[in-house]
């Protein structure tokens, strides 16, 4: 006979305690109810519980104390907060302290059932794959991030994943989902910056057939597609303000209304978000709503840029090369000393994603079992790893021995040649491309020694084109 799962219920209202015990009993669960912090600590000391539900306001303390105690002394016991309406700040604090979710009073049976299923799922969930196999790197920042991911996977709290473009924010989001109780449910990722503003509401919340021009069939929308699972909002800072309002309401009410639909649909999902922008600064500048920021940023996880964990470079290179060579069914090449040094001193503005692109390009260009520095085709913004401002991606830094005037003249010559090549040496078109007059361009061509010998016919054609 299967042993009943035991639930500890902590609430100072006797009627609610009795109701919860009866309701949980009908769910084939063994509920033990107490009304104070001291009684709860005594019960926890005896152990044997699979889930804890605690009220916030108790006669001899508060639920935050209990959440903190459980997180420190009973780390394997999932705990959720029971909170009154309008007390979302407290619920947010509880999740920061370790509660995996909260339930609002009056208690809805469907919501309670979902909360219990999520909590017991956390208790039962054991990772199939070690986090180390999914997130490569031994730098201190990566070790801390892996520990945080394991902890965050147990929670249902919204998480803000910060980090530069290409650093691996979506991989972190997928790991949090994969290690959590929702791992059998959908993981839906969306780039908020890639959706046209006029289509956002339909994309997120769905629409009813015929609700607008082009709505040829019903659409569920991303929120309902992710129901039961995780919705990852990448580049969330790119959401326009009118959509931020609708997103905030959907998160608060846990329901969505498709365009053209008179009724709302309940959704149960976890929200993870990310952006390469500084979200707090976006709030200060008025480009992101403060209330939505606090709703999404319950817990923050930061993904360090590659230049701050350059010691992980050999591990990443080997991992990426092995994966690519397995796909292409070729033997794994080695990097010679010049290539290794070039990568070690590169700034990686595009982070791990750029490293993957560099190595894939090098594999294509290398014609043997060795990758040389020339196969890497690194950009010019190389800098010693770990510090200093990098020059722009299109120009190298000026050599200390070169006069500034000569350096600027070289840049001017290079840009003019690019414009001329792009326009097949049509000087009028090149002048427009450079944002200058034809006469100004002709003067610069002579000054830089790029004039083609006073081609009168060409000059006449260009002059006529300029006059037109």
Protein backbone atom coordinates (compact mmCIF):
# COMPACT_ATOMS: atom_id res chain seq x y z
CA UNK A 1 0.00 0.00 0.00
CA UNK A 2 1.37 3.41 -1.00
CA UNK A 3 2.03 5.68 1.97
CA UNK A 4 0.07 8.96 2.00
CA UNK A 5 2.04 12.14 1.40
CA UNK A 6 2.11 14.37 4.49
CA UNK A 7 1.34 18.10 4.33
CA UNK A 8 2.01 20.58 7.15
CA UNK A 9 -0.56 23.40 7.23
CA UNK A 10 0.14 26.49 9.35
CA UNK A 11 -2.66 29.06 9.77
CA UNK A 12 -4.08 30.96 12.73
CA UNK A 13 -7.67 30.76 11.44
CA UNK A 14 -9.25 27.57 12.80
CA UNK A 15 -11.95 27.48 10.10
CA UNK A 16 -9.41 27.73 7.29
CA UNK A 17 -7.20 25.07 8.91
CA UNK A 18 -10.16 22.70 9.06
CA UNK A 19 -11.14 23.49 5.47
CA UNK A 20 -7.60 22.84 4.22
CA UNK A 21 -7.34 19.56 6.14
CA UNK A 22 -10.66 18.33 4.67
CA UNK A 23 -9.74 19.47 1.14
CA UNK A 24 -6.29 17.90 1.24
CA UNK A 25 -7.80 14.72 2.68
CA UNK A 26 -10.08 14.47 -0.35
CA UNK A 27 -6.93 14.70 -2.45
CA UNK A 28 -5.66 11.55 -0.65
CA UNK A 29 -3.14 13.54 1.37
CA UNK A 30 -2.46 13.39 5.12
CA UNK A 31 -2.70 16.97 6.41
CA UNK A 32 -1.45 18.04 9.85
CA UNK A 33 -2.54 21.57 10.85
CA UNK A 34 -1.11 23.94 13.49
CA UNK A 35 -1.83 27.58 14.34
CA UNK A 36 1.43 29.11 15.61
CA UNK A 37 5.11 29.38 14.76
CA UNK A 38 6.14 27.45 17.89
CA UNK A 39 3.79 24.58 17.04
CA UNK A 40 5.11 24.57 13.47
CA UNK A 41 8.75 24.40 14.64
CA UNK A 42 7.87 21.49 16.93
CA UNK A 43 6.15 19.63 14.08
CA UNK A 44 9.03 20.33 11.69
CA UNK A 45 11.47 18.98 14.28
CA UNK A 46 9.70 15.61 14.17
CA UNK A 47 10.03 15.57 10.37
CA UNK A 48 8.28 13.38 7.84
CA UNK A 49 6.55 16.10 5.81
CA UNK A 50 6.51 16.29 2.01
CA UNK A 51 5.12 19.83 1.69
CA UNK A 52 4.46 22.86 3.90
CA UNK A 53 1.79 25.55 3.46
CA UNK A 54 2.16 28.51 5.85
CA UNK A 55 0.12 31.63 6.50
CA UNK A 56 1.87 34.99 6.68
CA UNK A 57 0.40 36.46 9.87
CA UNK A 58 0.66 34.21 12.93
CA UNK A 59 0.11 35.01 16.63
CA UNK A 60 3.74 34.51 17.68
CA UNK A 61 5.60 35.46 14.50
CA UNK A 62 5.23 35.49 10.74
CA UNK A 63 5.47 33.11 7.81
CA UNK A 64 8.70 34.66 6.56
CA UNK A 65 10.44 33.36 9.69
CA UNK A 66 9.19 29.87 8.94
CA UNK A 67 10.17 30.04 5.27
CA UNK A 68 13.67 31.14 6.26
CA UNK A 69 13.91 28.39 8.91
CA UNK A 70 12.76 25.70 6.49
CA UNK A 71 15.16 26.91 3.81
CA UNK A 72 18.07 26.71 6.27
CA UNK A 73 17.21 23.53 8.22
CA UNK A 74 14.89 21.53 5.94
CA UNK A 75 16.17 22.45 2.48
CA UNK A 76 14.46 19.47 0.81
CA UNK A 77 11.00 20.48 2.07
CA UNK A 78 9.06 22.64 -0.43
CA UNK A 79 7.20 25.49 1.27
CA UNK A 80 4.52 27.83 -0.09
CA UNK A 81 3.00 30.97 1.38
CA UNK A 82 -0.71 31.54 2.05
CA UNK A 83 -1.33 35.28 1.72
CA UNK A 84 -4.23 37.71 1.84
CA UNK A 85 -5.27 39.73 -1.21
CA UNK A 86 -3.22 42.88 -1.69
CA UNK A 87 -0.19 41.40 0.07
CA UNK A 88 1.86 40.64 -3.02
CA UNK A 89 4.94 42.40 -1.66
CA UNK A 90 5.04 39.92 1.21
CA UNK A 91 4.56 37.01 -1.17
CA UNK A 92 7.46 38.28 -3.27
CA UNK A 93 9.65 38.52 -0.15
CA UNK A 94 8.70 34.97 0.80
CA UNK A 95 9.83 33.69 -2.60
CA UNK A 96 13.12 35.54 -2.25
CA UNK A 97 13.61 33.71 1.05
CA UNK A 98 12.93 30.30 -0.49
CA UNK A 99 9.16 29.75 -0.85
CA UNK A 100 8.43 28.12 -4.21
CA UNK A 101 5.06 29.85 -4.69
CA UNK A 102 2.14 31.50 -2.93
CA UNK A 103 -1.64 31.07 -2.81
CA UNK A 104 -4.05 33.95 -2.18
CA UNK A 105 -7.01 33.94 0.19
CA UNK A 106 -9.80 33.00 -0.31
CA UNK A 107 -8.29 29.68 -1.34
CA UNK A 108 -9.45 28.42 -4.74
CA UNK A 109 -9.69 24.62 -4.98
CA UNK A 110 -8.14 24.53 -8.46
CA UNK A 111 -5.30 26.82 -7.39
CA UNK A 112 -4.69 24.77 -4.23
CA UNK A 113 -4.59 21.55 -6.22
CA UNK A 114 -2.10 23.03 -8.68
CA UNK A 115 0.06 24.39 -5.85
CA UNK A 116 0.16 20.99 -4.13
CA UNK A 117 0.98 19.20 -7.39
CA UNK A 118 3.82 21.67 -8.06
CA UNK A 119 5.20 21.32 -4.53
CA UNK A 120 5.13 17.53 -4.52
CA UNK A 121 6.66 17.60 -7.99
CA UNK A 122 9.59 19.57 -6.60
CA UNK A 123 9.98 16.99 -3.85
CA UNK A 124 10.01 14.10 -6.32
CA UNK A 125 12.10 15.70 -9.05
CA UNK A 126 15.67 14.48 -9.44
CA UNK A 127 17.80 15.91 -12.29
CA UNK A 128 18.46 13.47 -15.14
CA UNK A 129 21.61 15.31 -16.19
CA UNK A 130 24.12 17.08 -13.92
CA UNK A 131 24.11 20.85 -14.32
CA UNK A 132 27.86 20.70 -15.02
CA UNK A 133 27.15 18.85 -18.29
CA UNK A 134 24.79 21.58 -19.45
CA UNK A 135 26.68 24.70 -18.34
CA UNK A 136 30.41 24.48 -19.13
CA UNK A 137 32.94 26.34 -17.00
CA UNK A 138 34.80 26.22 -13.70
CA UNK A 139 35.24 29.96 -13.14
CA UNK A 140 33.89 31.15 -9.75
CA UNK A 141 31.04 33.03 -11.44
CA UNK A 142 29.91 29.89 -13.28
CA UNK A 143 30.10 27.71 -10.18
CA UNK A 144 27.94 30.21 -8.32
CA UNK A 145 25.49 30.36 -11.23
CA UNK A 146 25.13 26.56 -11.29
CA UNK A 147 24.39 26.46 -7.56
CA UNK A 148 21.82 29.23 -8.02
CA UNK A 149 20.14 27.40 -10.93
CA UNK A 150 19.60 24.26 -8.82
CA UNK A 151 17.99 26.39 -6.12
CA UNK A 152 15.90 28.45 -8.53
CA UNK A 153 14.58 25.33 -10.26
CA UNK A 154 12.71 24.43 -7.06
CA UNK A 155 10.88 27.76 -7.04
CA UNK A 156 7.98 29.01 -9.11
CA UNK A 157 9.06 32.62 -8.64
CA UNK A 158 9.59 34.82 -11.71
CA UNK A 159 13.28 35.14 -12.50
CA UNK A 160 15.13 37.89 -14.33
CA UNK A 161 18.22 36.55 -16.13
CA UNK A 162 20.66 39.36 -16.84
CA UNK A 163 23.71 39.22 -19.06
CA UNK A 164 25.22 40.41 -22.32
CA UNK A 165 24.10 39.21 -25.74
CA UNK A 166 25.41 35.75 -26.54
CA UNK A 167 26.34 34.90 -22.94
CA UNK A 168 23.87 32.01 -22.64
CA UNK A 169 20.75 33.47 -20.99
CA UNK A 170 18.33 31.16 -22.83
CA UNK A 171 20.44 28.12 -21.91
CA UNK A 172 20.15 29.14 -18.25
CA UNK A 173 16.38 29.53 -18.64
CA UNK A 174 16.07 26.07 -20.22
CA UNK A 175 18.13 24.57 -17.41
CA UNK A 176 15.89 26.11 -14.75
CA UNK A 177 12.87 24.64 -16.54
CA UNK A 178 14.50 21.24 -17.10
CA UNK A 179 15.50 20.83 -13.45
CA UNK A 180 12.12 21.93 -12.08
CA UNK A 181 8.74 20.22 -11.59
CA UNK A 182 7.43 21.59 -14.90
CA UNK A 183 10.08 19.82 -16.99
CA UNK A 184 7.51 17.52 -18.64
CA UNK A 185 5.50 20.57 -19.76
CA UNK A 186 6.26 23.02 -22.61
CA UNK A 187 9.15 25.47 -22.59
CA UNK A 188 8.18 28.37 -24.87
CA UNK A 189 10.84 30.96 -25.72
CA UNK A 190 10.01 34.23 -27.48
CA UNK A 191 12.17 37.18 -28.49
CA UNK A 192 10.07 40.21 -27.58
CA UNK A 193 12.05 42.46 -29.90
CA UNK A 194 11.24 40.31 -32.94
CA UNK A 195 7.42 40.68 -32.75
CA UNK A 196 5.83 43.66 -34.54
CA UNK A 197 4.10 45.94 -32.04
CA UNK A 198 0.68 45.63 -33.71
CA UNK A 199 0.79 41.81 -33.48
CA UNK A 200 2.05 41.48 -29.90
CA UNK A 201 -1.30 41.09 -28.15
CA UNK A 202 -2.35 38.37 -30.58
CA UNK A 203 1.02 36.59 -30.29
CA UNK A 204 0.98 36.60 -26.50
CA UNK A 205 -2.70 36.08 -25.72
CA UNK A 206 -4.11 34.61 -28.95
CA UNK A 207 -7.10 35.66 -31.02
CA UNK A 208 -10.43 34.48 -32.22
CA UNK A 209 -11.07 33.77 -35.89
CA UNK A 210 -12.31 36.88 -37.69
CA UNK A 211 -11.40 39.26 -34.84
CA UNK A 212 -9.24 41.35 -37.22
CA UNK A 213 -8.05 41.34 -40.81
CA UNK A 214 -5.89 38.29 -41.38
CA UNK A 215 -7.26 36.29 -38.41
CA UNK A 216 -8.24 33.29 -40.52
CA UNK A 217 -8.30 30.83 -37.63
CA UNK A 218 -8.31 30.71 -33.83
CA UNK A 219 -4.91 31.10 -32.19
CA UNK A 220 -4.10 30.08 -28.64
CA UNK A 221 -1.20 32.50 -28.09
CA UNK A 222 2.09 31.97 -26.28
CA UNK A 223 0.63 32.12 -22.75
CA UNK A 224 -1.80 29.28 -23.36
CA UNK A 225 0.74 27.28 -25.37
CA UNK A 226 3.04 27.44 -22.33
CA UNK A 227 0.24 26.54 -19.89
CA UNK A 228 1.58 24.22 -17.21
CA UNK A 229 5.16 24.93 -18.27
CA UNK A 230 7.51 27.88 -18.65
CA UNK A 231 7.34 31.03 -20.79
CA UNK A 232 10.73 32.64 -21.44
CA UNK A 233 10.54 36.29 -22.50
CA UNK A 234 13.88 37.14 -24.08
CA UNK A 235 14.75 40.83 -24.58
CA UNK A 236 11.78 41.79 -22.41
CA UNK A 237 13.03 45.40 -22.28
CA UNK A 238 11.98 45.76 -25.94
CA UNK A 239 8.29 45.44 -25.06
CA UNK A 240 6.38 48.69 -25.78
CA UNK A 241 4.72 50.33 -22.78
CA UNK A 242 1.16 49.46 -23.84
CA UNK A 243 2.11 45.78 -23.95
CA UNK A 244 3.85 45.98 -20.59
CA UNK A 245 0.50 46.93 -19.01
CA UNK A 246 -1.23 43.90 -20.53
CA UNK A 247 1.62 41.60 -19.55
CA UNK A 248 1.50 42.83 -15.95
CA UNK A 249 -2.23 42.11 -15.73
CA UNK A 250 -1.84 38.63 -17.22
CA UNK A 251 0.86 37.77 -14.66
CA UNK A 252 -1.12 39.15 -11.73
CA UNK A 253 -4.46 37.61 -12.66
CA UNK A 254 -2.99 34.38 -14.06
CA UNK A 255 -5.45 34.67 -16.93
CA UNK A 256 -5.52 35.96 -20.52
CA UNK A 257 -8.22 37.14 -22.88
CA UNK A 258 -7.58 36.46 -26.59
CA UNK A 259 -8.32 39.27 -29.05
CA UNK A 260 -12.00 39.14 -29.97
CA UNK A 261 -12.83 36.64 -27.20
CA UNK A 262 -15.44 37.68 -24.56
CA UNK A 263 -14.12 35.34 -21.85
CA UNK A 264 -10.82 34.87 -20.07
CA UNK A 265 -8.74 31.69 -19.84
CA UNK A 266 -6.87 30.71 -16.69
CA UNK A 267 -3.18 29.91 -17.20
CA UNK A 268 -0.67 28.30 -14.89
CA UNK A 269 2.86 28.98 -16.04
CA UNK A 270 6.20 30.18 -14.82
CA UNK A 271 7.63 33.40 -16.23
CA UNK A 272 11.35 33.73 -16.89
CA UNK A 273 12.70 36.83 -18.63
CA UNK A 274 16.01 38.17 -19.88
CA UNK A 275 17.54 41.19 -21.56
CA UNK A 276 21.01 42.42 -22.39
CA UNK A 277 19.93 45.91 -21.30
CA UNK A 278 20.18 47.23 -17.75
CA UNK A 279 16.54 46.84 -16.74
CA UNK A 280 16.74 49.08 -13.66
CA UNK A 281 18.15 51.87 -15.87
CA UNK A 282 15.28 51.33 -18.32
CA UNK A 283 12.89 51.93 -15.40
CA UNK A 284 14.70 55.16 -14.44
CA UNK A 285 14.51 56.37 -18.06
CA UNK A 286 10.76 55.67 -18.15
CA UNK A 287 11.03 52.98 -20.84
CA UNK A 288 10.01 50.11 -18.56
CA UNK A 289 7.21 50.06 -15.99
CA UNK A 290 8.40 49.93 -12.40
CA UNK A 291 5.52 47.69 -11.25
CA UNK A 292 6.27 45.17 -14.00
CA UNK A 293 9.97 45.31 -13.15
CA UNK A 294 9.29 44.34 -9.53
CA UNK A 295 6.91 41.61 -10.66
CA UNK A 296 9.43 40.04 -13.04
CA UNK A 297 12.56 40.65 -10.98
CA UNK A 298 11.63 38.62 -7.90
CA UNK A 299 15.01 36.87 -8.16
CA UNK A 300 17.89 37.83 -10.45
CA UNK A 301 20.42 35.45 -11.98
CA UNK A 302 23.42 36.98 -13.71
CA UNK A 303 25.28 35.23 -16.52
CA UNK A 304 28.91 36.44 -16.59
CA UNK A 305 30.39 37.52 -19.94
CA UNK A 306 33.07 35.32 -21.46
CA UNK A 307 35.82 37.91 -20.96
CA UNK A 308 35.25 37.66 -17.17
CA UNK A 309 35.74 33.88 -17.20
CA UNK A 310 38.50 33.57 -19.76
CA UNK A 311 39.93 30.62 -17.80
CA UNK A 312 36.98 28.59 -19.11
CA UNK A 313 38.06 29.16 -22.72
CA UNK A 314 39.92 25.82 -23.20
CA UNK A 315 36.92 23.85 -21.85
CA UNK A 316 34.49 25.74 -24.07
CA UNK A 317 36.67 25.39 -27.17
CA UNK A 318 36.99 21.63 -26.69
CA UNK A 319 33.27 21.21 -26.00
CA UNK A 320 32.21 23.26 -29.03
CA UNK A 321 34.69 21.60 -31.40
CA UNK A 322 33.64 18.11 -30.28
CA UNK A 323 29.97 18.95 -30.79
CA UNK A 324 30.53 20.49 -34.24
CA UNK A 325 32.81 17.67 -35.41
CA UNK A 326 30.31 15.08 -34.25
CA UNK A 327 27.62 16.79 -36.33
CA UNK A 328 29.89 17.00 -39.37
CA UNK A 329 31.34 13.52 -38.77
CA UNK A 330 34.94 14.68 -38.92
CA UNK A 331 37.89 14.30 -36.55
CA UNK A 332 38.45 17.04 -33.97
CA UNK A 333 41.31 19.36 -35.02
CA UNK A 334 43.79 21.00 -32.67
CA UNK A 335 44.51 24.71 -32.29
CA UNK A 336 48.14 25.71 -32.77
CA UNK A 337 49.87 28.11 -30.40
CA UNK A 338 49.14 31.22 -32.49
CA UNK A 339 45.42 30.43 -32.64
CA UNK A 340 45.26 29.69 -28.91
CA UNK A 341 47.00 32.97 -28.05
CA UNK A 342 44.78 34.96 -30.43
CA UNK A 343 41.64 33.62 -28.75
CA UNK A 344 43.07 34.16 -25.27
CA UNK A 345 43.61 37.86 -26.04
CA UNK A 346 40.29 38.44 -27.81
CA UNK A 347 37.57 40.51 -26.12
CA UNK A 348 34.60 38.38 -27.32
CA UNK A 349 31.99 41.15 -27.56
CA UNK A 350 29.54 38.47 -28.72
CA UNK A 351 30.46 36.10 -25.86
CA UNK A 352 29.98 32.32 -26.20
CA UNK A 353 27.75 32.68 -29.25
CA UNK A 354 30.58 34.50 -31.04
CA UNK A 355 33.07 31.83 -29.97
CA UNK A 356 30.82 29.19 -31.52
CA UNK A 357 30.65 31.16 -34.78
CA UNK A 358 34.43 31.69 -34.83
CA UNK A 359 35.14 27.98 -34.36
CA UNK A 360 32.55 26.91 -36.91
CA UNK A 361 34.11 29.29 -39.46
CA UNK A 362 37.60 28.04 -38.60
CA UNK A 363 36.54 24.42 -39.12
CA UNK A 364 35.28 25.36 -42.57
CA UNK A 365 38.46 27.21 -43.54
CA UNK A 366 41.01 24.80 -42.06
CA UNK A 367 42.10 22.24 -44.64
CA UNK A 368 43.88 19.92 -42.24
CA UNK A 369 43.88 18.72 -38.66
CA UNK A 370 45.20 22.03 -37.29
CA UNK A 371 43.48 25.38 -36.86
CA UNK A 372 45.75 28.41 -37.33
CA UNK A 373 45.09 32.01 -36.27
CA UNK A 374 44.30 33.01 -39.86
CA UNK A 375 41.40 30.52 -39.89
CA UNK A 376 39.80 32.33 -36.94
CA UNK A 377 39.34 35.63 -38.83
CA UNK A 378 38.95 37.57 -35.58
CA UNK A 379 37.58 41.09 -35.59
CA UNK A 380 39.93 43.99 -34.90
CA UNK A 381 38.57 44.78 -31.45
CA UNK A 382 41.09 42.54 -29.71
CA UNK A 383 42.02 43.50 -26.19
CA UNK A 384 43.69 41.73 -23.28
CA UNK A 385 40.99 39.67 -21.61
CA UNK A 386 39.55 41.11 -18.45
CA UNK A 387 39.71 44.85 -18.82
CA UNK A 388 40.11 48.04 -20.72
CA UNK A 389 37.88 49.65 -23.24
CA UNK A 390 37.85 48.00 -26.63
CA UNK A 391 38.10 49.95 -29.87
CA UNK A 392 35.14 49.85 -32.20
CA UNK A 393 34.40 46.63 -34.05
CA UNK A 394 35.47 48.17 -37.37
CA UNK A 395 38.79 49.78 -36.47
CA UNK A 396 41.96 48.79 -34.66
CA UNK A 397 43.49 51.01 -32.01
CA UNK A 398 45.91 53.70 -33.24
CA UNK A 399 49.56 52.62 -32.87
CA UNK A 400 51.34 54.80 -30.33
CA UNK A 401 54.03 55.72 -32.87
CA UNK A 402 51.61 56.89 -35.57
CA UNK A 403 50.69 60.61 -35.68
CA UNK A 404 46.98 61.27 -35.19
CA UNK A 405 46.74 63.14 -38.53
CA UNK A 406 48.09 60.13 -40.46
CA UNK A 407 45.80 57.77 -38.55
CA UNK A 408 42.68 59.85 -39.35
CA UNK A 409 43.73 60.11 -42.99
CA UNK A 410 43.96 56.32 -43.20
CA UNK A 411 40.44 55.97 -41.80
CA UNK A 412 39.12 58.57 -44.25
CA UNK A 413 40.80 56.81 -47.19
CA UNK A 414 39.45 53.42 -46.14
CA UNK A 415 35.85 54.68 -45.81
CA UNK A 416 35.96 56.47 -49.18
CA UNK A 417 37.29 53.34 -50.90
CA UNK A 418 34.51 51.27 -49.32
CA UNK A 419 31.88 53.69 -50.60
CA UNK A 420 33.43 53.73 -54.09
CA UNK A 421 33.58 49.94 -54.23
CA UNK A 422 29.97 49.69 -53.06
CA UNK A 423 28.83 52.05 -55.86
CA UNK A 424 31.08 50.62 -58.59
CA UNK A 425 33.12 53.85 -58.49
CA UNK A 426 30.18 56.10 -59.27
CA UNK A 427 31.49 59.14 -57.41
CA UNK A 428 28.14 60.94 -57.18
CA UNK A 429 26.53 57.88 -55.59
CA UNK A 430 29.55 57.41 -53.32
CA UNK A 431 29.32 61.04 -52.19
CA UNK A 432 25.66 60.56 -51.25
CA UNK A 433 26.56 57.38 -49.38
CA UNK A 434 29.21 59.27 -47.43
CA UNK A 435 26.91 62.21 -46.72
CA UNK A 436 28.98 64.82 -48.57
CA UNK A 437 28.80 66.82 -51.82
CA UNK A 438 30.35 65.60 -55.05
CA UNK A 439 32.82 68.52 -55.03
CA UNK A 440 33.90 67.65 -51.48
CA UNK A 441 34.50 64.04 -52.46
CA UNK A 442 36.49 65.07 -55.57
CA UNK A 443 38.69 67.32 -53.40
CA UNK A 444 39.34 64.46 -50.95
CA UNK A 445 40.15 62.03 -53.79
CA UNK A 446 42.85 64.38 -55.08
CA UNK A 447 44.16 65.04 -51.57
CA UNK A 448 44.44 61.32 -50.82
CA UNK A 449 45.89 60.42 -54.21
CA UNK A 450 42.83 58.43 -55.26
CA UNK A 451 41.91 60.56 -58.29
CA UNK A 452 41.92 58.44 -61.46
CA UNK A 453 43.86 60.96 -63.50
CA UNK A 454 41.22 63.58 -64.25
CA UNK A 455 38.84 61.50 -66.33
CA UNK A 456 36.92 64.37 -67.94
CA UNK A 457 34.23 62.13 -69.38
CA UNK A 458 33.55 60.60 -66.00
CA UNK A 459 33.64 64.01 -64.33
CA UNK A 460 31.16 65.33 -66.84
CA UNK A 461 28.82 62.43 -66.27
CA UNK A 462 29.11 62.83 -62.52
CA UNK A 463 28.55 66.60 -62.77
CA UNK A 464 25.46 66.09 -64.89
CA UNK A 465 24.18 63.50 -62.39
CA UNK A 466 24.89 65.95 -59.53
CA UNK A 467 23.03 68.76 -61.32
CA UNK A 468 20.07 66.46 -61.92
